[in-house]
Amino acid sequence: MEQQTATASELSRSLTDASTATSHLADAVAEVADGATETDQGVHTVRGTSTDLATVSRTLADVVDGFITA
């Protein structure tokens, strides 16, 4: 009987440890997902800014060309 109680206690501890580890893993996965979302938003921001910069650059080049040829 004593051995069964010890085995049950050890099994309970193992299950608690597994549950805790699973919870930590789920938290880590959620953090990675949040990081991926933030990275995606940053990529879209950089892409938009790059497009704006390209437009301004072309406009500036046109102004400079007009100035030089005038």
PDB file of N, CA and C in Angstrom:
ATOM      1  N   MET A   1       0.818  -1.187   0.000  1.00  0.00           N
ATOM      2  CA  MET A   1       0.000   0.000   0.000  1.00  0.00           C
ATOM      3  C   MET A   1       0.866   1.257   0.000  1.00  0.00           C
ATOM      4  N   GLU A   2       1.933   1.197   0.778  1.00  0.00           N
ATOM      5  CA  GLU A   2       2.841   2.348   0.868  1.00  0.00           C
ATOM      6  C   GLU A   2       3.494   2.637  -0.487  1.00  0.00           C
ATOM      7  N   GLN A   3       3.851   1.600  -1.201  1.00  0.00           N
ATOM      8  CA  GLN A   3       4.472   1.754  -2.511  1.00  0.00           C
ATOM      9  C   GLN A   3       3.460   2.338  -3.508  1.00  0.00           C
ATOM     10  N   GLN A   4       2.210   1.939  -3.431  1.00  0.00           N
ATOM     11  CA  GLN A   4       1.175   2.489  -4.308  1.00  0.00           C
ATOM     12  C   GLN A   4       0.987   3.979  -4.057  1.00  0.00           C
ATOM     13  N   THR A   5       1.021   4.363  -2.786  1.00  0.00           N
ATOM     14  CA  THR A   5       0.879   5.780  -2.423  1.00  0.00           C
ATOM     15  C   THR A   5       2.061   6.569  -2.959  1.00  0.00           C
ATOM     16  N   ALA A   6       3.259   6.026  -2.828  1.00  0.00           N
ATOM     17  CA  ALA A   6       4.457   6.697  -3.340  1.00  0.00           C
ATOM     18  C   ALA A   6       4.397   6.804  -4.855  1.00  0.00           C
ATOM     19  N   THR A   7       3.952   5.747  -5.510  1.00  0.00           N
ATOM     20  CA  THR A   7       3.843   5.754  -6.965  1.00  0.00           C
ATOM     21  C   THR A   7       2.798   6.776  -7.411  1.00  0.00           C
ATOM     22  N   ALA A   8       1.681   6.825  -6.733  1.00  0.00           N
ATOM     23  CA  ALA A   8       0.624   7.789  -7.057  1.00  0.00           C
ATOM     24  C   ALA A   8       1.120   9.222  -6.847  1.00  0.00           C
ATOM     25  N   SER A   9       1.869   9.440  -5.784  1.00  0.00           N
ATOM     26  CA  SER A   9       2.427  10.768  -5.513  1.00  0.00           C
ATOM     27  C   SER A   9       3.416  11.176  -6.594  1.00  0.00           C
ATOM     28  N   GLU A  10       4.263  10.244  -6.994  1.00  0.00           N
ATOM     29  CA  GLU A  10       5.246  10.521  -8.048  1.00  0.00           C
ATOM     30  C   GLU A  10       4.541  10.788  -9.378  1.00  0.00           C
ATOM     31  N   LEU A  11       3.518  10.023  -9.673  1.00  0.00           N
ATOM     32  CA  LEU A  11       2.747  10.231 -10.893  1.00  0.00           C
ATOM     33  C   LEU A  11       2.073  11.603 -10.871  1.00  0.00           C
ATOM     34  N   SER A  12       1.543  11.969  -9.737  1.00  0.00           N
ATOM     35  CA  SER A  12       0.904  13.280  -9.594  1.00  0.00           C
ATOM     36  C   SER A  12       1.913  14.400  -9.815  1.00  0.00           C
ATOM     37  N   ARG A  13       3.105  14.262  -9.235  1.00  0.00           N
ATOM     38  CA  ARG A  13       4.162  15.264  -9.430  1.00  0.00           C
ATOM     39  C   ARG A  13       4.568  15.338 -10.895  1.00  0.00           C
ATOM     40  N   SER A  14       4.689  14.192 -11.545  1.00  0.00           N
ATOM     41  CA  SER A  14       5.077  14.162 -12.956  1.00  0.00           C
ATOM     42  C   SER A  14       4.020  14.842 -13.825  1.00  0.00           C
ATOM     43  N   LEU A  15       2.769  14.579 -13.534  1.00  0.00           N
ATOM     44  CA  LEU A  15       1.690  15.208 -14.296  1.00  0.00           C
ATOM     45  C   LEU A  15       1.666  16.721 -14.062  1.00  0.00           C
ATOM     46  N   THR A  16       1.906  17.139 -12.840  1.00  0.00           N
ATOM     47  CA  THR A  16       1.959  18.571 -12.535  1.00  0.00           C
ATOM     48  C   THR A  16       3.124  19.224 -13.275  1.00  0.00           C
ATOM     49  N   ASP A  17       4.259  18.563 -13.279  1.00  0.00           N
ATOM     50  CA  ASP A  17       5.426  19.090 -13.998  1.00  0.00           C
ATOM     51  C   ASP A  17       5.149  19.178 -15.500  1.00  0.00           C
ATOM     52  N   ALA A  18       4.519  18.147 -16.048  1.00  0.00           N
ATOM     53  CA  ALA A  18       4.195  18.148 -17.474  1.00  0.00           C
ATOM     54  C   ALA A  18       3.207  19.261 -17.803  1.00  0.00           C
ATOM     55  N   SER A  19       2.247  19.464 -16.928  1.00  0.00           N
ATOM     56  CA  SER A  19       1.266  20.530 -17.127  1.00  0.00           C
ATOM     57  C   SER A  19       1.934  21.898 -17.086  1.00  0.00           C
ATOM     58  N   THR A  20       2.831  22.088 -16.147  1.00  0.00           N
ATOM     59  CA  THR A  20       3.558  23.355 -16.033  1.00  0.00           C
ATOM     60  C   THR A  20       4.425  23.594 -17.260  1.00  0.00           C
ATOM     61  N   ALA A  21       5.124  22.559 -17.706  1.00  0.00           N
ATOM     62  CA  ALA A  21       5.976  22.685 -18.896  1.00  0.00           C
ATOM     63  C   ALA A  21       5.139  23.005 -20.131  1.00  0.00           C
ATOM     64  N   THR A  22       3.984  22.373 -20.258  1.00  0.00           N
ATOM     65  CA  THR A  22       3.091  22.640 -21.388  1.00  0.00           C
ATOM     66  C   THR A  22       2.599  24.079 -21.358  1.00  0.00           C
ATOM     67  N   SER A  23       2.290  24.567 -20.195  1.00  0.00           N
ATOM     68  CA  SER A  23       1.853  25.960 -20.048  1.00  0.00           C
ATOM     69  C   SER A  23       2.960  26.932 -20.444  1.00  0.00           C
ATOM     70  N   HIS A  24       4.188  26.644 -20.021  1.00  0.00           N
ATOM     71  CA  HIS A  24       5.329  27.487 -20.387  1.00  0.00           C
ATOM     72  C   HIS A  24       5.553  27.459 -21.903  1.00  0.00           C
ATOM     73  N   LEU A  25       5.411  26.293 -22.486  1.00  0.00           N
ATOM     74  CA  LEU A  25       5.577  26.156 -23.927  1.00  0.00           C
ATOM     75  C   LEU A  25       4.504  26.950 -24.673  1.00  0.00           C
ATOM     76  N   ALA A  26       3.278  26.872 -24.210  1.00  0.00           N
ATOM     77  CA  ALA A  26       2.189  27.632 -24.834  1.00  0.00           C
ATOM     78  C   ALA A  26       2.460  29.130 -24.736  1.00  0.00           C
ATOM     79  N   ASP A  27       2.977  29.587 -23.600  1.00  0.00           N
ATOM     80  CA  ASP A  27       3.332  31.000 -23.444  1.00  0.00           C
ATOM     81  C   ASP A  27       4.426  31.402 -24.429  1.00  0.00           C
ATOM     82  N   ALA A  28       5.420  30.547 -24.582  1.00  0.00           N
ATOM     83  CA  ALA A  28       6.524  30.838 -25.501  1.00  0.00           C
ATOM     84  C   ALA A  28       6.027  30.900 -26.946  1.00  0.00           C
ATOM     85  N   VAL A  29       5.153  29.992 -27.315  1.00  0.00           N
ATOM     86  CA  VAL A  29       4.598  29.992 -28.668  1.00  0.00           C
ATOM     87  C   VAL A  29       3.797  31.273 -28.901  1.00  0.00           C
ATOM     88  N   ALA A  30       3.037  31.696 -27.914  1.00  0.00           N
ATOM     89  CA  ALA A  30       2.257  32.932 -28.026  1.00  0.00           C
ATOM     90  C   ALA A  30       3.185  34.135 -28.197  1.00  0.00           C
ATOM     91  N   GLU A  31       4.296  34.150 -27.478  1.00  0.00           N
ATOM     92  CA  GLU A  31       5.265  35.248 -27.618  1.00  0.00           C
ATOM     93  C   GLU A  31       5.872  35.265 -29.013  1.00  0.00           C
ATOM     94  N   VAL A  32       6.184  34.102 -29.548  1.00  0.00           N
ATOM     95  CA  VAL A  32       6.732  34.016 -30.910  1.00  0.00           C
ATOM     96  C   VAL A  32       5.694  34.520 -31.919  1.00  0.00           C
ATOM     97  N   ALA A  33       4.451  34.130 -31.732  1.00  0.00           N
ATOM     98  CA  ALA A  33       3.384  34.573 -32.630  1.00  0.00           C
ATOM     99  C   ALA A  33       3.228  36.092 -32.561  1.00  0.00           C
ATOM    100  N   ASP A  34       3.280  36.656 -31.366  1.00  0.00           N
ATOM    101  CA  ASP A  34       3.197  38.112 -31.214  1.00  0.00           C
ATOM    102  C   ASP A  34       4.376  38.786 -31.919  1.00  0.00           C
ATOM    103  N   GLY A  35       5.558  38.223 -31.753  1.00  0.00           N
ATOM    104  CA  GLY A  35       6.743  38.770 -32.417  1.00  0.00           C
ATOM    105  C   GLY A  35       6.616  38.716 -33.931  1.00  0.00           C
ATOM    106  N   ALA A  36       6.060  37.636 -34.436  1.00  0.00           N
ATOM    107  CA  ALA A  36       5.869  37.510 -35.890  1.00  0.00           C
ATOM    108  C   ALA A  36       4.883  38.549 -36.396  1.00  0.00           C
ATOM    109  N   THR A  37       3.835  38.796 -35.633  1.00  0.00           N
ATOM    110  CA  THR A  37       2.846  39.811 -36.015  1.00  0.00           C
ATOM    111  C   THR A  37       3.484  41.193 -36.039  1.00  0.00           C
ATOM    112  N   GLU A  38       4.265  41.509 -35.018  1.00  0.00           N
ATOM    113  CA  GLU A  38       4.942  42.809 -34.965  1.00  0.00           C
ATOM    114  C   GLU A  38       5.933  42.955 -36.123  1.00  0.00           C
ATOM    115  N   THR A  39       6.643  41.887 -36.445  1.00  0.00           N
ATOM    116  CA  THR A  39       7.588  41.916 -37.560  1.00  0.00           C
ATOM    117  C   THR A  39       6.859  42.159 -38.873  1.00  0.00           C
ATOM    118  N   ASP A  40       5.729  41.491 -39.055  1.00  0.00           N
ATOM    119  CA  ASP A  40       4.934  41.678 -40.265  1.00  0.00           C
ATOM    120  C   ASP A  40       4.462  43.127 -40.390  1.00  0.00           C
ATOM    121  N   GLN A  41       4.032  43.695 -39.284  1.00  0.00           N
ATOM    122  CA  GLN A  41       3.598  45.103 -39.309  1.00  0.00           C
ATOM    123  C   GLN A  41       4.771  46.014 -39.656  1.00  0.00           C
ATOM    124  N   GLY A  42       5.932  45.712 -39.129  1.00  0.00           N
ATOM    125  CA  GLY A  42       7.122  46.497 -39.436  1.00  0.00           C
ATOM    126  C   GLY A  42       7.494  46.402 -40.907  1.00  0.00           C
ATOM    127  N   VAL A  43       7.364  45.222 -41.471  1.00  0.00           N
ATOM    128  CA  VAL A  43       7.672  45.032 -42.890  1.00  0.00           C
ATOM    129  C   VAL A  43       6.740  45.897 -43.740  1.00  0.00           C
ATOM    130  N   HIS A  44       5.462  45.909 -43.399  1.00  0.00           N
ATOM    131  CA  HIS A  44       4.507  46.718 -44.157  1.00  0.00           C
ATOM    132  C   HIS A  44       4.824  48.213 -44.029  1.00  0.00           C
ATOM    133  N   THR A  45       5.235  48.631 -42.856  1.00  0.00           N
ATOM    134  CA  THR A  45       5.600  50.029 -42.648  1.00  0.00           C
ATOM    135  C   THR A  45       6.818  50.395 -43.485  1.00  0.00           C
ATOM    136  N   VAL A  46       7.829  49.538 -43.467  1.00  0.00           N
ATOM    137  CA  VAL A  46       9.050  49.791 -44.243  1.00  0.00           C
ATOM    138  C   VAL A  46       8.730  49.802 -45.730  1.00  0.00           C
ATOM    139  N   ARG A  47       7.899  48.887 -46.172  1.00  0.00           N
ATOM    140  CA  ARG A  47       7.520  48.835 -47.587  1.00  0.00           C
ATOM    141  C   ARG A  47       6.819  50.138 -47.997  1.00  0.00           C
ATOM    142  N   GLY A  48       5.904  50.607 -47.194  1.00  0.00           N
ATOM    143  CA  GLY A  48       5.203  51.856 -47.497  1.00  0.00           C
ATOM    144  C   GLY A  48       6.146  53.039 -47.517  1.00  0.00           C
ATOM    145  N   THR A  49       7.044  53.084 -46.540  1.00  0.00           N
ATOM    146  CA  THR A  49       8.015  54.170 -46.478  1.00  0.00           C
ATOM    147  C   THR A  49       8.955  54.130 -47.676  1.00  0.00           C
ATOM    148  N   SER A  50       9.357  52.944 -48.088  1.00  0.00           N
ATOM    149  CA  SER A  50      10.229  52.800 -49.259  1.00  0.00           C
ATOM    150  C   SER A  50       9.532  53.285 -50.521  1.00  0.00           C
ATOM    151  N   THR A  51       8.270  52.961 -50.655  1.00  0.00           N
ATOM    152  CA  THR A  51       7.501  53.415 -51.810  1.00  0.00           C
ATOM    153  C   THR A  51       7.410  54.940 -51.819  1.00  0.00           C
ATOM    154  N   ASP A  52       7.128  55.514 -50.657  1.00  0.00           N
ATOM    155  CA  ASP A  52       7.062  56.984 -50.550  1.00  0.00           C
ATOM    156  C   ASP A  52       8.405  57.616 -50.900  1.00  0.00           C
ATOM    157  N   LEU A  53       9.471  57.035 -50.412  1.00  0.00           N
ATOM    158  CA  LEU A  53      10.807  57.560 -50.686  1.00  0.00           C
ATOM    159  C   LEU A  53      11.132  57.475 -52.174  1.00  0.00           C
ATOM    160  N   ALA A  54      10.748  56.388 -52.812  1.00  0.00           N
ATOM    161  CA  ALA A  54      10.991  56.243 -54.249  1.00  0.00           C
ATOM    162  C   ALA A  54      10.234  57.318 -55.028  1.00  0.00           C
ATOM    163  N   THR A  55       9.010  57.602 -54.621  1.00  0.00           N
ATOM    164  CA  THR A  55       8.214  58.631 -55.282  1.00  0.00           C
ATOM    165  C   THR A  55       8.861  60.001 -55.124  1.00  0.00           C
ATOM    166  N   VAL A  56       9.281  60.325 -53.921  1.00  0.00           N
ATOM    167  CA  VAL A  56       9.938  61.611 -53.663  1.00  0.00           C
ATOM    168  C   VAL A  56      11.246  61.698 -54.445  1.00  0.00           C
ATOM    169  N   SER A  57      11.977  60.591 -54.508  1.00  0.00           N
ATOM    170  CA  SER A  57      13.239  60.565 -55.239  1.00  0.00           C
ATOM    171  C   SER A  57      13.026  60.845 -56.725  1.00  0.00           C
ATOM    172  N   ARG A  58      11.997  60.209 -57.317  1.00  0.00           N
ATOM    173  CA  ARG A  58      11.696  60.462 -58.729  1.00  0.00           C
ATOM    174  C   ARG A  58      11.290  61.921 -58.951  1.00  0.00           C
ATOM    175  N   THR A  59      10.493  62.455 -58.056  1.00  0.00           N
ATOM    176  CA  THR A  59      10.078  63.860 -58.171  1.00  0.00           C
ATOM    177  C   THR A  59      11.280  64.781 -58.086  1.00  0.00           C
ATOM    178  N   LEU A  60      12.177  64.513 -57.144  1.00  0.00           N
ATOM    179  CA  LEU A  60      13.377  65.325 -56.993  1.00  0.00           C
ATOM    180  C   LEU A  60      14.250  65.226 -58.236  1.00  0.00           C
ATOM    181  N   ALA A  61      14.388  64.028 -58.784  1.00  0.00           N
ATOM    182  CA  ALA A  61      15.187  63.847 -59.998  1.00  0.00           C
ATOM    183  C   ALA A  61      14.587  64.645 -61.154  1.00  0.00           C
ATOM    184  N   ASP A  62      13.263  64.626 -61.262  1.00  0.00           N
ATOM    185  CA  ASP A  62      12.607  65.403 -62.315  1.00  0.00           C
ATOM    186  C   ASP A  62      12.842  66.900 -62.138  1.00  0.00           C
ATOM    187  N   VAL A  63      12.779  67.387 -60.909  1.00  0.00           N
ATOM    188  CA  VAL A  63      13.012  68.814 -60.629  1.00  0.00           C
ATOM    189  C   VAL A  63      14.450  69.182 -60.972  1.00  0.00           C
ATOM    190  N   VAL A  64      15.390  68.348 -60.562  1.00  0.00           N
ATOM    191  CA  VAL A  64      16.799  68.622 -60.844  1.00  0.00           C
ATOM    192  C   VAL A  64      17.044  68.594 -62.345  1.00  0.00           C
ATOM    193  N   ASP A  65      16.491  67.609 -63.055  1.00  0.00           N
ATOM    194  CA  ASP A  65      16.639  67.554 -64.510  1.00  0.00           C
ATOM    195  C   ASP A  65      16.076  68.800 -65.170  1.00  0.00           C
ATOM    196  N   GLY A  66      14.922  69.239 -64.698  1.00  0.00           N
ATOM    197  CA  GLY A  66      14.310  70.459 -65.228  1.00  0.00           C
ATOM    198  C   GLY A  66      15.162  71.673 -64.963  1.00  0.00           C
ATOM    199  N   PHE A  67      15.787  71.723 -63.821  1.00  0.00           N
ATOM    200  CA  PHE A  67      16.650  72.849 -63.464  1.00  0.00           C
ATOM    201  C   PHE A  67      17.908  72.858 -64.339  1.00  0.00           C
ATOM    202  N   ILE A  68      18.480  71.684 -64.542  1.00  0.00           N
ATOM    203  CA  ILE A  68      19.719  71.579 -65.297  1.00  0.00           C
ATOM    204  C   ILE A  68      19.474  71.905 -66.770  1.00  0.00           C
ATOM    205  N   THR A  69      18.382  71.441 -67.328  1.00  0.00           N
ATOM    206  CA  THR A  69      18.116  71.642 -68.761  1.00  0.00           C
ATOM    207  C   THR A  69      17.527  73.018 -69.053  1.00  0.00           C
ATOM    208  N   ALA A  70      17.150  73.738 -68.037  1.00  0.00           N
ATOM    209  CA  ALA A  70      16.554  75.072 -68.276  1.00  0.00           C
ATOM    210  C   ALA A  70      17.603  76.128 -68.535  1.00  0.00           C
TER     211      ALA A  70
END
